[in-house]
Amino acid sequence: MIADAPFRILIVDDSARQRQGYRMLLGSQPDMEVVGEAGDGAQALGILRRLPADVVLMDIQMPRVNGLVATERILGDPRVREVGEPPRIVLLTAIDLEDHVAAAAMSGAYAVLYKDVAPEVLFTAIRG
């Protein structure tokens, strides 16, 4: 991220309503800019091969390519690196967090949070 530039965020969730909610929440922060949305991990990878992002906010449970698999693919893809620095990936879950922490760490995720986490906690994770 360039100094004083907003964090560029890609939102990845199979629920359009969830993506809209995150977009509104993140849009309330002057140092955050949503640069794109994807409905699954495969779409996210395609976007990141063309568009740099500082942070990917991604659901774990999605059809086609889930958040854990997508994290590994994104961080290991040389075409993503051609666009810019690999993004930090913040995974989100609606189910038992402990079930995902080890797998998220193995995939290279930066953090794992509950979907209903307080906004301030989410903002702190994005700002890192």
Protein backbone atom coordinates (compact mmCIF):
# COMPACT_ATOMS: atom_id res chain seq x y z
CA MET A 1 0.00 0.00 0.00
CA ILE A 2 1.22 3.50 -0.85
CA ALA A 3 1.43 5.88 2.12
CA ASP A 4 -1.83 7.76 2.63
CA ALA A 5 -3.60 5.70 -0.04
CA PRO A 6 -6.69 3.82 1.07
CA PHE A 7 -6.56 0.07 1.65
CA ARG A 8 -7.79 -1.59 -1.55
CA ILE A 9 -10.18 -4.37 -0.56
CA LEU A 10 -11.69 -7.24 -2.54
CA ILE A 11 -14.84 -8.73 -0.96
CA VAL A 12 -15.46 -12.42 -1.67
CA ASP A 13 -18.69 -14.08 -0.51
CA ASP A 14 -21.29 -16.20 -2.28
CA SER A 15 -24.07 -14.05 -0.75
CA ALA A 16 -24.72 -10.80 -2.64
CA ARG A 17 -26.44 -9.44 0.48
CA GLN A 18 -23.35 -10.16 2.59
CA ARG A 19 -21.09 -8.47 0.02
CA GLN A 20 -23.36 -5.44 -0.02
CA GLY A 21 -23.24 -5.20 3.78
CA TYR A 22 -19.44 -5.34 3.82
CA ARG A 23 -19.26 -2.77 1.03
CA MET A 24 -21.42 -0.35 3.03
CA LEU A 25 -19.49 -0.96 6.26
CA LEU A 26 -16.05 -0.58 4.66
CA GLY A 27 -17.23 2.43 2.67
CA SER A 28 -17.80 4.25 5.95
CA GLN A 29 -14.03 4.29 6.54
CA PRO A 30 -12.01 7.02 4.80
CA ASP A 31 -8.94 4.79 4.57
CA MET A 32 -10.72 1.84 2.90
CA GLU A 33 -11.80 1.40 -0.71
CA VAL A 34 -13.66 -1.63 -2.07
CA VAL A 35 -12.10 -2.31 -5.48
CA GLY A 36 -14.14 -5.37 -6.38
CA GLU A 37 -16.42 -8.22 -5.41
CA ALA A 38 -16.48 -11.92 -6.22
CA GLY A 39 -18.95 -14.71 -5.53
CA ASP A 40 -16.37 -17.45 -4.96
CA GLY A 41 -12.65 -18.12 -4.79
CA ALA A 42 -12.26 -18.82 -8.50
CA GLN A 43 -13.71 -15.43 -9.39
CA ALA A 44 -11.49 -13.79 -6.76
CA LEU A 45 -8.37 -15.31 -8.31
CA GLY A 46 -9.40 -14.05 -11.74
CA ILE A 47 -9.91 -10.54 -10.42
CA LEU A 48 -6.60 -10.51 -8.54
CA ARG A 49 -4.75 -11.50 -11.71
CA ARG A 50 -5.87 -8.15 -13.20
CA LEU A 51 -6.43 -5.83 -10.25
CA PRO A 52 -4.21 -5.25 -7.21
CA ALA A 53 -5.74 -5.43 -3.74
CA ASP A 54 -4.15 -4.94 -0.34
CA VAL A 55 -6.69 -7.07 1.50
CA VAL A 56 -9.10 -9.83 0.49
CA LEU A 57 -12.05 -10.19 2.84
CA MET A 58 -13.26 -13.73 2.07
CA ASP A 59 -15.87 -16.17 3.32
CA ILE A 60 -14.57 -19.66 4.08
CA GLN A 61 -17.73 -21.57 3.12
CA MET A 62 -18.46 -21.01 -0.58
CA PRO A 63 -19.39 -23.25 -3.51
CA ARG A 64 -16.91 -24.11 -6.28
CA VAL A 65 -13.74 -22.83 -4.61
CA ASN A 66 -13.94 -22.20 -0.86
CA GLY A 67 -11.93 -19.58 1.01
CA LEU A 68 -9.22 -21.94 2.25
CA VAL A 69 -8.43 -23.33 -1.19
CA ALA A 70 -8.70 -19.87 -2.74
CA THR A 71 -6.23 -18.47 -0.20
CA GLU A 72 -3.61 -21.03 -1.19
CA ARG A 73 -4.21 -20.41 -4.88
CA ILE A 74 -4.11 -16.62 -4.58
CA LEU A 75 -0.93 -16.53 -2.51
CA GLY A 76 0.81 -19.07 -4.74
CA ASP A 77 -0.21 -17.64 -8.11
CA PRO A 78 2.64 -15.91 -9.98
CA ARG A 79 0.15 -13.92 -12.08
CA VAL A 80 -1.21 -12.31 -8.89
CA ARG A 81 2.36 -11.31 -8.00
CA GLU A 82 2.80 -9.70 -11.43
CA VAL A 83 -0.02 -7.28 -10.60
CA GLY A 84 1.36 -6.30 -7.19
CA GLU A 85 2.23 -7.53 -3.73
CA PRO A 86 0.13 -10.54 -2.67
CA PRO A 87 -2.83 -9.37 -0.60
CA ARG A 88 -3.39 -10.14 3.06
CA ILE A 89 -6.34 -12.47 3.30
CA VAL A 90 -8.85 -12.15 6.12
CA LEU A 91 -11.13 -15.19 6.20
CA LEU A 92 -14.63 -14.99 7.63
CA THR A 93 -16.77 -17.76 9.06
CA ALA A 94 -20.27 -18.08 10.46
CA ILE A 95 -19.52 -21.41 12.12
CA ASP A 96 -17.11 -22.57 14.81
CA LEU A 97 -13.94 -20.50 14.48
CA GLU A 98 -11.71 -23.11 16.15
CA ASP A 99 -12.53 -25.56 13.36
CA HIS A 100 -10.83 -23.26 10.84
CA VAL A 101 -7.88 -21.61 12.59
CA ALA A 102 -5.29 -24.32 11.85
CA ALA A 103 -6.43 -24.78 8.25
CA ALA A 104 -6.44 -21.01 7.71
CA ALA A 105 -2.91 -20.70 9.07
CA MET A 106 -1.75 -23.53 6.80
CA SER A 107 -3.32 -21.81 3.78
CA GLY A 108 -1.47 -18.56 4.51
CA ALA A 109 -4.41 -16.47 5.70
CA TYR A 110 -3.60 -13.35 7.70
CA ALA A 111 -6.58 -13.70 10.07
CA VAL A 112 -9.83 -15.62 10.65
CA LEU A 113 -12.83 -13.82 12.12
CA TYR A 114 -16.49 -14.51 12.76
CA LYS A 115 -18.78 -12.87 10.23
CA ASP A 116 -20.64 -11.08 13.02
CA VAL A 117 -17.47 -9.57 14.55
CA ALA A 118 -17.69 -5.98 15.80
CA PRO A 119 -16.87 -3.50 13.02
CA GLU A 120 -13.90 -2.13 14.96
CA VAL A 121 -12.33 -5.60 15.12
CA LEU A 122 -12.79 -6.03 11.37
CA PHE A 123 -11.27 -2.60 10.69
CA THR A 124 -8.29 -3.43 12.90
CA ALA A 125 -7.69 -6.72 11.06
CA ILE A 126 -7.79 -4.93 7.69
CA ARG A 127 -5.43 -2.20 8.85
CA GLY A 128 -3.18 -4.90 10.31
